[in-house]
Amino acid sequence: MKTLSKVNILHLIEGAKQAEGLTVIIDVFRAFSLECYLYDMGVKVIRPIGTIDEAFHLKNAIADSVLIGERNGKKCEGFDYGNSPSTVLPEAVKGKTIIHTTSAGTQGIVNAKGASEIITGSLINAKAVAEYIMDKQPETVSLVCMGNNGVRPAAEDELCAEYIKSILEGKELKDIDKRVTDLQYHGGEHFFDEARQDVFPKEDFWMCIKYNKFPFVIRIEKDETGFVTRKIER
């Protein structure tokens, strides 16, 4: 496997604005982990959106669509689901168009205007992301850790970027299993707060750290309606 010479790790919304080349927008807890699970549930397509107003406008324009999203972790008022993979019912989304807006992940997509290509990243498809990049052999790779609300670093996104970069450099992290599990003590503590289980269920944590669970990537494209994602099998 060839290695890439220019792999940059960037951070937060400002990092998304600086991204160039093949860009991976990373949001482990929970936006792009959720999108992997949604495709696994058989959704038709996912449309990432920047604002809540845009999301409602698009729902009115697309019949039989489902609104999923959060602000500060909480489900947006009037939406069908929050950003929680463990609470989405497969039978409610199969074959549907998903309109998705979040505080961090989807903000990275709309701000990565200098990227030549955008894919999303999470621990659960990290190796597929790395393999996709290796196949493409781009001159520049930008791994953007979106963090908390796009303004504060998050340990899980930093680890995901480090892990993807390690695979690209031919020296995959040997302690990845321990490090993802340890996120429950630094970065994922809110999933174990009994008072916050309505917003951050424990099951979401375990679903989001199942690294390399899915053998596909999610690529961001654009059509006459706006951003749209496509699942690409490895």
C-alpha atoms as a PDB file:
ATOM      1  CA  MET A   1       0.000   0.000   0.000  1.00  0.00           C
ATOM      2  CA  LYS A   2       1.357   3.399  -0.968  1.00  0.00           C
ATOM      3  CA  THR A   3       1.553   6.167   1.625  1.00  0.00           C
ATOM      4  CA  LEU A   4       0.514   9.779   1.165  1.00  0.00           C
ATOM      5  CA  SER A   5       2.892  12.642   1.828  1.00  0.00           C
ATOM      6  CA  LYS A   6       0.511  15.495   2.622  1.00  0.00           C
ATOM      7  CA  VAL A   7      -2.131  14.629   5.213  1.00  0.00           C
ATOM      8  CA  ASN A   8      -3.271  17.598   7.292  1.00  0.00           C
ATOM      9  CA  ILE A   9      -5.356  17.383  10.473  1.00  0.00           C
ATOM     10  CA  LEU A  10      -7.518  20.486  10.897  1.00  0.00           C
ATOM     11  CA  HIS A  11      -9.954  21.482  13.582  1.00  0.00           C
ATOM     12  CA  LEU A  12     -13.472  22.831  14.000  1.00  0.00           C
ATOM     13  CA  ILE A  13     -15.431  25.111  11.654  1.00  0.00           C
ATOM     14  CA  GLU A  14     -12.340  27.222  11.029  1.00  0.00           C
ATOM     15  CA  GLY A  15     -10.519  24.076   9.971  1.00  0.00           C
ATOM     16  CA  ALA A  16     -13.308  23.221   7.549  1.00  0.00           C
ATOM     17  CA  LYS A  17     -12.919  26.643   5.983  1.00  0.00           C
ATOM     18  CA  GLN A  18      -9.181  25.985   5.517  1.00  0.00           C
ATOM     19  CA  ALA A  19      -9.588  22.473   4.121  1.00  0.00           C
ATOM     20  CA  GLU A  20      -8.284  21.665   0.661  1.00  0.00           C
ATOM     21  CA  GLY A  21      -7.909  18.593  -1.472  1.00  0.00           C
ATOM     22  CA  LEU A  22      -9.812  15.449  -0.562  1.00  0.00           C
ATOM     23  CA  THR A  23     -11.478  16.481   2.679  1.00  0.00           C
ATOM     24  CA  VAL A  24     -12.861  14.220   5.407  1.00  0.00           C
ATOM     25  CA  ILE A  25     -15.340  15.922   7.730  1.00  0.00           C
ATOM     26  CA  ILE A  26     -15.186  13.949  10.977  1.00  0.00           C
ATOM     27  CA  ASP A  27     -17.967  13.813  13.565  1.00  0.00           C
ATOM     28  CA  VAL A  28     -17.914  10.639  15.671  1.00  0.00           C
ATOM     29  CA  PHE A  29     -20.468  11.645  18.341  1.00  0.00           C
ATOM     30  CA  ARG A  30     -22.827  11.446  16.509  1.00  0.00           C
ATOM     31  CA  ALA A  31     -23.594  12.954  13.097  1.00  0.00           C
ATOM     32  CA  PHE A  32     -21.596  10.793  10.730  1.00  0.00           C
ATOM     33  CA  SER A  33     -21.868   7.648  12.787  1.00  0.00           C
ATOM     34  CA  LEU A  34     -25.633   8.155  12.589  1.00  0.00           C
ATOM     35  CA  GLU A  35     -25.496   8.606   8.812  1.00  0.00           C
ATOM     36  CA  CYS A  36     -23.700   5.273   8.440  1.00  0.00           C
ATOM     37  CA  TYR A  37     -26.405   3.572  10.480  1.00  0.00           C
ATOM     38  CA  LEU A  38     -29.109   5.327   8.457  1.00  0.00           C
ATOM     39  CA  TYR A  39     -27.707   3.958   5.205  1.00  0.00           C
ATOM     40  CA  ASP A  40     -27.482   0.540   6.837  1.00  0.00           C
ATOM     41  CA  MET A  41     -31.192   0.899   7.681  1.00  0.00           C
ATOM     42  CA  GLY A  42     -31.925   1.371   3.988  1.00  0.00           C
ATOM     43  CA  VAL A  43     -32.623   5.095   3.654  1.00  0.00           C
ATOM     44  CA  LYS A  44     -32.949   6.369   0.097  1.00  0.00           C
ATOM     45  CA  VAL A  45     -30.628   9.353   0.455  1.00  0.00           C
ATOM     46  CA  ILE A  46     -29.398  11.854   3.062  1.00  0.00           C
ATOM     47  CA  ARG A  47     -29.355  15.599   2.505  1.00  0.00           C
ATOM     48  CA  PRO A  48     -27.058  17.484   4.941  1.00  0.00           C
ATOM     49  CA  ILE A  49     -28.291  20.990   5.693  1.00  0.00           C
ATOM     50  CA  GLY A  50     -26.732  23.953   7.489  1.00  0.00           C
ATOM     51  CA  THR A  51     -29.713  25.621   9.155  1.00  0.00           C
ATOM     52  CA  ILE A  52     -32.973  24.548  10.755  1.00  0.00           C
ATOM     53  CA  ASP A  53     -34.965  26.909   8.516  1.00  0.00           C
ATOM     54  CA  GLU A  54     -33.430  25.316   5.416  1.00  0.00           C
ATOM     55  CA  ALA A  55     -34.292  21.888   6.790  1.00  0.00           C
ATOM     56  CA  PHE A  56     -37.989  22.767   7.200  1.00  0.00           C
ATOM     57  CA  HIS A  57     -38.064  24.369   3.755  1.00  0.00           C
ATOM     58  CA  LEU A  58     -36.625  21.217   2.197  1.00  0.00           C
ATOM     59  CA  LYS A  59     -39.042  18.975   4.076  1.00  0.00           C
ATOM     60  CA  ASN A  60     -41.926  20.919   2.578  1.00  0.00           C
ATOM     61  CA  ALA A  61     -40.406  20.476  -0.871  1.00  0.00           C
ATOM     62  CA  ILE A  62     -39.642  16.733  -0.635  1.00  0.00           C
ATOM     63  CA  ALA A  63     -42.551  14.388  -0.094  1.00  0.00           C
ATOM     64  CA  ASP A  64     -42.155  11.590   2.435  1.00  0.00           C
ATOM     65  CA  SER A  65     -38.938  13.020   3.896  1.00  0.00           C
ATOM     66  CA  VAL A  66     -37.752  12.705   7.501  1.00  0.00           C
ATOM     67  CA  LEU A  67     -36.221  15.497   9.586  1.00  0.00           C
ATOM     68  CA  ILE A  68     -33.296  14.469  11.797  1.00  0.00           C
ATOM     69  CA  GLY A  69     -31.087  16.880  13.710  1.00  0.00           C
ATOM     70  CA  GLU A  70     -29.915  18.572  16.863  1.00  0.00           C
ATOM     71  CA  ARG A  71     -28.671  21.748  18.418  1.00  0.00           C
ATOM     72  CA  ASN A  72     -26.489  21.424  21.526  1.00  0.00           C
ATOM     73  CA  GLY A  73     -27.222  17.699  21.392  1.00  0.00           C
ATOM     74  CA  LYS A  74     -30.993  18.091  21.742  1.00  0.00           C
ATOM     75  CA  LYS A  75     -33.498  17.202  19.052  1.00  0.00           C
ATOM     76  CA  CYS A  76     -34.579  20.262  17.086  1.00  0.00           C
ATOM     77  CA  GLU A  77     -38.146  21.262  17.866  1.00  0.00           C
ATOM     78  CA  GLY A  78     -40.537  19.894  15.275  1.00  0.00           C
ATOM     79  CA  PHE A  79     -38.074  17.300  13.959  1.00  0.00           C
ATOM     80  CA  ASP A  80     -38.851  13.616  13.682  1.00  0.00           C
ATOM     81  CA  TYR A  81     -35.656  12.433  15.374  1.00  0.00           C
ATOM     82  CA  GLY A  82     -32.633  13.804  17.165  1.00  0.00           C
ATOM     83  CA  ASN A  83     -29.055  12.917  16.312  1.00  0.00           C
ATOM     84  CA  SER A  84     -29.265   9.585  18.126  1.00  0.00           C
ATOM     85  CA  PRO A  85     -28.648   6.346  16.185  1.00  0.00           C
ATOM     86  CA  SER A  86     -30.123   4.142  18.907  1.00  0.00           C
ATOM     87  CA  THR A  87     -33.510   5.890  18.813  1.00  0.00           C
ATOM     88  CA  VAL A  88     -34.171   5.889  15.058  1.00  0.00           C
ATOM     89  CA  LEU A  89     -36.655   3.206  14.006  1.00  0.00           C
ATOM     90  CA  PRO A  90     -35.485   1.438  10.812  1.00  0.00           C
ATOM     91  CA  GLU A  91     -39.039   0.965   9.581  1.00  0.00           C
ATOM     92  CA  ALA A  92     -39.649   4.727   9.860  1.00  0.00           C
ATOM     93  CA  VAL A  93     -36.722   5.698   7.625  1.00  0.00           C
ATOM     94  CA  LYS A  94     -36.279   2.855   5.130  1.00  0.00           C
ATOM     95  CA  GLY A  95     -36.607   4.159   1.584  1.00  0.00           C
ATOM     96  CA  LYS A  96     -37.001   7.741   2.792  1.00  0.00           C
ATOM     97  CA  THR A  97     -35.075  10.942   2.097  1.00  0.00           C
ATOM     98  CA  ILE A  98     -33.383  12.121   5.307  1.00  0.00           C
ATOM     99  CA  ILE A  99     -32.852  15.833   5.915  1.00  0.00           C
ATOM    100  CA  HIS A 100     -30.051  16.140   8.466  1.00  0.00           C
ATOM    101  CA  THR A 101     -28.713  19.176  10.306  1.00  0.00           C
ATOM    102  CA  THR A 102     -26.340  19.248  13.289  1.00  0.00           C
ATOM    103  CA  SER A 103     -24.270  21.657  15.361  1.00  0.00           C
ATOM    104  CA  ALA A 104     -20.926  20.365  14.088  1.00  0.00           C
ATOM    105  CA  GLY A 105     -20.856  17.735  11.351  1.00  0.00           C
ATOM    106  CA  THR A 106     -23.130  19.280   8.744  1.00  0.00           C
ATOM    107  CA  GLN A 107     -21.619  22.698   9.492  1.00  0.00           C
ATOM    108  CA  GLY A 108     -18.278  21.297   8.379  1.00  0.00           C
ATOM    109  CA  ILE A 109     -19.767  20.246   5.061  1.00  0.00           C
ATOM    110  CA  VAL A 110     -21.261  23.638   4.244  1.00  0.00           C
ATOM    111  CA  ASN A 111     -18.048  25.440   5.255  1.00  0.00           C
ATOM    112  CA  ALA A 112     -15.544  23.246   3.365  1.00  0.00           C
ATOM    113  CA  LYS A 113     -15.754  25.394   0.237  1.00  0.00           C
ATOM    114  CA  GLY A 114     -12.105  24.926  -0.719  1.00  0.00           C
ATOM    115  CA  ALA A 115     -12.256  21.133  -0.817  1.00  0.00           C
ATOM    116  CA  SER A 116     -11.935  19.328  -4.132  1.00  0.00           C
ATOM    117  CA  GLU A 117     -13.995  16.426  -2.777  1.00  0.00           C
ATOM    118  CA  ILE A 118     -15.749  15.827   0.553  1.00  0.00           C
ATOM    119  CA  ILE A 119     -16.454  12.565   2.346  1.00  0.00           C
ATOM    120  CA  THR A 120     -17.597  12.106   5.918  1.00  0.00           C
ATOM    121  CA  GLY A 121     -15.695  10.239   8.586  1.00  0.00           C
ATOM    122  CA  SER A 122     -16.345   8.401  11.828  1.00  0.00           C
ATOM    123  CA  LEU A 123     -14.752   5.572  13.729  1.00  0.00           C
ATOM    124  CA  ILE A 124     -17.279   3.087  12.438  1.00  0.00           C
ATOM    125  CA  ASN A 125     -16.061   3.470   8.847  1.00  0.00           C
ATOM    126  CA  ALA A 126     -12.523   4.767   9.460  1.00  0.00           C
ATOM    127  CA  LYS A 127     -10.686   2.016   7.574  1.00  0.00           C
ATOM    128  CA  ALA A 128     -13.041   2.314   4.596  1.00  0.00           C
ATOM    129  CA  VAL A 129     -12.301   6.058   4.553  1.00  0.00           C
ATOM    130  CA  ALA A 130      -8.554   5.418   4.567  1.00  0.00           C
ATOM    131  CA  GLU A 131      -8.831   2.826   1.795  1.00  0.00           C
ATOM    132  CA  TYR A 132     -10.953   5.191  -0.296  1.00  0.00           C
ATOM    133  CA  ILE A 133      -8.288   7.886   0.065  1.00  0.00           C
ATOM    134  CA  MET A 134      -5.527   5.451  -0.871  1.00  0.00           C
ATOM    135  CA  ASP A 135      -7.426   4.458  -3.988  1.00  0.00           C
ATOM    136  CA  LYS A 136      -7.811   8.093  -4.989  1.00  0.00           C
ATOM    137  CA  GLN A 137      -4.168   9.030  -4.276  1.00  0.00           C
ATOM    138  CA  PRO A 138      -4.904  12.772  -3.896  1.00  0.00           C
ATOM    139  CA  GLU A 139      -2.070  15.283  -3.594  1.00  0.00           C
ATOM    140  CA  THR A 140      -3.579  16.730  -0.427  1.00  0.00           C
ATOM    141  CA  VAL A 141      -5.820  15.246   2.270  1.00  0.00           C
ATOM    142  CA  SER A 142      -7.575  17.327   4.934  1.00  0.00           C
ATOM    143  CA  LEU A 143      -8.926  15.510   7.992  1.00  0.00           C
ATOM    144  CA  VAL A 144     -11.230  17.963   9.763  1.00  0.00           C
ATOM    145  CA  CYS A 145     -12.136  17.225  13.407  1.00  0.00           C
ATOM    146  CA  MET A 146     -15.432  19.050  13.930  1.00  0.00           C
ATOM    147  CA  GLY A 147     -15.435  18.832  17.739  1.00  0.00           C
ATOM    148  CA  ASN A 148     -18.234  20.040  19.984  1.00  0.00           C
ATOM    149  CA  ASN A 149     -20.560  22.448  18.179  1.00  0.00           C
ATOM    150  CA  GLY A 150     -17.710  23.090  15.757  1.00  0.00           C
ATOM    151  CA  VAL A 151     -15.968  25.380  18.237  1.00  0.00           C
ATOM    152  CA  ARG A 152     -14.341  23.132  20.894  1.00  0.00           C
ATOM    153  CA  PRO A 153     -12.070  20.125  20.309  1.00  0.00           C
ATOM    154  CA  ALA A 154     -13.488  16.665  20.992  1.00  0.00           C
ATOM    155  CA  ALA A 155     -11.281  13.698  21.883  1.00  0.00           C
ATOM    156  CA  GLU A 156     -13.249  11.229  19.755  1.00  0.00           C
ATOM    157  CA  ASP A 157     -12.832  13.263  16.561  1.00  0.00           C
ATOM    158  CA  GLU A 158      -9.125  13.808  17.221  1.00  0.00           C
ATOM    159  CA  LEU A 159      -8.672  10.058  17.744  1.00  0.00           C
ATOM    160  CA  CYS A 160     -10.562   9.261  14.547  1.00  0.00           C
ATOM    161  CA  ALA A 161      -8.339  11.619  12.524  1.00  0.00           C
ATOM    162  CA  GLU A 162      -5.213  10.166  14.134  1.00  0.00           C
ATOM    163  CA  TYR A 163      -6.412   6.640  13.363  1.00  0.00           C
ATOM    164  CA  ILE A 164      -7.192   7.379   9.713  1.00  0.00           C
ATOM    165  CA  LYS A 165      -3.845   9.130   9.291  1.00  0.00           C
ATOM    166  CA  SER A 166      -2.016   6.183  10.865  1.00  0.00           C
ATOM    167  CA  ILE A 167      -3.555   3.821   8.299  1.00  0.00           C
ATOM    168  CA  LEU A 168      -2.635   6.178   5.460  1.00  0.00           C
ATOM    169  CA  GLU A 169       0.944   6.264   6.745  1.00  0.00           C
ATOM    170  CA  GLY A 170       1.131   2.468   6.929  1.00  0.00           C
ATOM    171  CA  LYS A 171       1.417   2.301  10.718  1.00  0.00           C
ATOM    172  CA  GLU A 172      -2.077   1.598  12.015  1.00  0.00           C
ATOM    173  CA  LEU A 173      -2.562   2.365  15.713  1.00  0.00           C
ATOM    174  CA  LYS A 174      -1.993  -0.790  17.748  1.00  0.00           C
ATOM    175  CA  ASP A 175      -3.910   0.446  20.795  1.00  0.00           C
ATOM    176  CA  ILE A 176      -7.038   1.589  18.964  1.00  0.00           C
ATOM    177  CA  ASP A 177      -9.309  -0.871  20.785  1.00  0.00           C
ATOM    178  CA  LYS A 178      -8.314   0.447  24.215  1.00  0.00           C
ATOM    179  CA  ARG A 179      -8.390   4.068  23.111  1.00  0.00           C
ATOM    180  CA  VAL A 180     -11.904   3.946  21.702  1.00  0.00           C
ATOM    181  CA  THR A 181     -13.179   2.207  24.840  1.00  0.00           C
ATOM    182  CA  ASP A 182     -11.439   4.779  27.036  1.00  0.00           C
ATOM    183  CA  LEU A 183     -13.445   7.544  25.343  1.00  0.00           C
ATOM    184  CA  GLN A 184     -16.157   6.794  27.898  1.00  0.00           C
ATOM    185  CA  TYR A 185     -13.897   8.494  30.462  1.00  0.00           C
ATOM    186  CA  HIS A 186     -12.700  11.406  28.332  1.00  0.00           C
ATOM    187  CA  GLY A 187     -14.978  12.718  25.638  1.00  0.00           C
ATOM    188  CA  GLY A 188     -17.982  10.446  26.042  1.00  0.00           C
ATOM    189  CA  GLU A 189     -18.825  10.964  29.700  1.00  0.00           C
ATOM    190  CA  HIS A 190     -22.157  12.596  28.876  1.00  0.00           C
ATOM    191  CA  PHE A 191     -23.466   9.284  27.519  1.00  0.00           C
ATOM    192  CA  PHE A 192     -23.131   7.818  31.017  1.00  0.00           C
ATOM    193  CA  ASP A 193     -24.842  10.655  32.881  1.00  0.00           C
ATOM    194  CA  GLU A 194     -28.150   9.184  34.091  1.00  0.00           C
ATOM    195  CA  ALA A 195     -29.746  12.638  34.080  1.00  0.00           C
ATOM    196  CA  ARG A 196     -29.039  13.075  30.350  1.00  0.00           C
ATOM    197  CA  GLN A 197     -30.126   9.715  28.944  1.00  0.00           C
ATOM    198  CA  ASP A 198     -33.043  11.315  27.096  1.00  0.00           C
ATOM    199  CA  VAL A 199     -30.541  13.274  24.966  1.00  0.00           C
ATOM    200  CA  PHE A 200     -27.397  11.097  25.086  1.00  0.00           C
ATOM    201  CA  PRO A 201     -28.379   7.425  25.503  1.00  0.00           C
ATOM    202  CA  LYS A 202     -25.611   5.048  26.582  1.00  0.00           C
ATOM    203  CA  GLU A 203     -26.298   2.885  23.550  1.00  0.00           C
ATOM    204  CA  ASP A 204     -25.274   5.735  21.251  1.00  0.00           C
ATOM    205  CA  PHE A 205     -21.771   5.648  22.704  1.00  0.00           C
ATOM    206  CA  TRP A 206     -21.306   1.950  22.064  1.00  0.00           C
ATOM    207  CA  MET A 207     -22.754   2.234  18.571  1.00  0.00           C
ATOM    208  CA  CYS A 208     -20.412   5.097  17.682  1.00  0.00           C
ATOM    209  CA  ILE A 209     -17.183   3.397  18.823  1.00  0.00           C
ATOM    210  CA  LYS A 210     -17.626   0.153  16.845  1.00  0.00           C
ATOM    211  CA  TYR A 211     -14.661   1.060  14.713  1.00  0.00           C
ATOM    212  CA  ASN A 212     -14.525  -0.309  11.168  1.00  0.00           C
ATOM    213  CA  LYS A 213     -18.047  -1.733  11.412  1.00  0.00           C
ATOM    214  CA  PHE A 214     -19.078  -0.492   7.961  1.00  0.00           C
ATOM    215  CA  PRO A 215     -17.185  -1.090   4.689  1.00  0.00           C
ATOM    216  CA  PHE A 216     -18.456   2.009   2.897  1.00  0.00           C
ATOM    217  CA  VAL A 217     -17.871   5.746   2.714  1.00  0.00           C
ATOM    218  CA  ILE A 218     -20.346   8.588   2.404  1.00  0.00           C
ATOM    219  CA  ARG A 219     -19.460  11.092  -0.291  1.00  0.00           C
ATOM    220  CA  ILE A 220     -20.922  14.573  -0.458  1.00  0.00           C
ATOM    221  CA  GLU A 221     -22.253  15.677  -3.812  1.00  0.00           C
ATOM    222  CA  LYS A 222     -24.388  18.581  -4.960  1.00  0.00           C
ATOM    223  CA  ASP A 223     -27.422  18.810  -7.209  1.00  0.00           C
ATOM    224  CA  GLU A 224     -30.054  21.406  -8.046  1.00  0.00           C
ATOM    225  CA  THR A 225     -31.592  20.988  -4.574  1.00  0.00           C
ATOM    226  CA  GLY A 226     -28.364  21.293  -2.563  1.00  0.00           C
ATOM    227  CA  PHE A 227     -25.976  18.925  -0.822  1.00  0.00           C
ATOM    228  CA  VAL A 228     -26.739  15.246  -1.145  1.00  0.00           C
ATOM    229  CA  THR A 229     -24.800  12.203   0.036  1.00  0.00           C
ATOM    230  CA  ARG A 230     -24.003   8.971  -1.747  1.00  0.00           C
ATOM    231  CA  LYS A 231     -23.030   5.700  -0.131  1.00  0.00           C
ATOM    232  CA  ILE A 232     -19.995   4.186  -1.857  1.00  0.00           C
ATOM    233  CA  GLU A 233     -19.248   0.562  -1.087  1.00  0.00           C
ATOM    234  CA  ARG A 234     -15.626  -0.493  -0.693  1.00  0.00           C
END
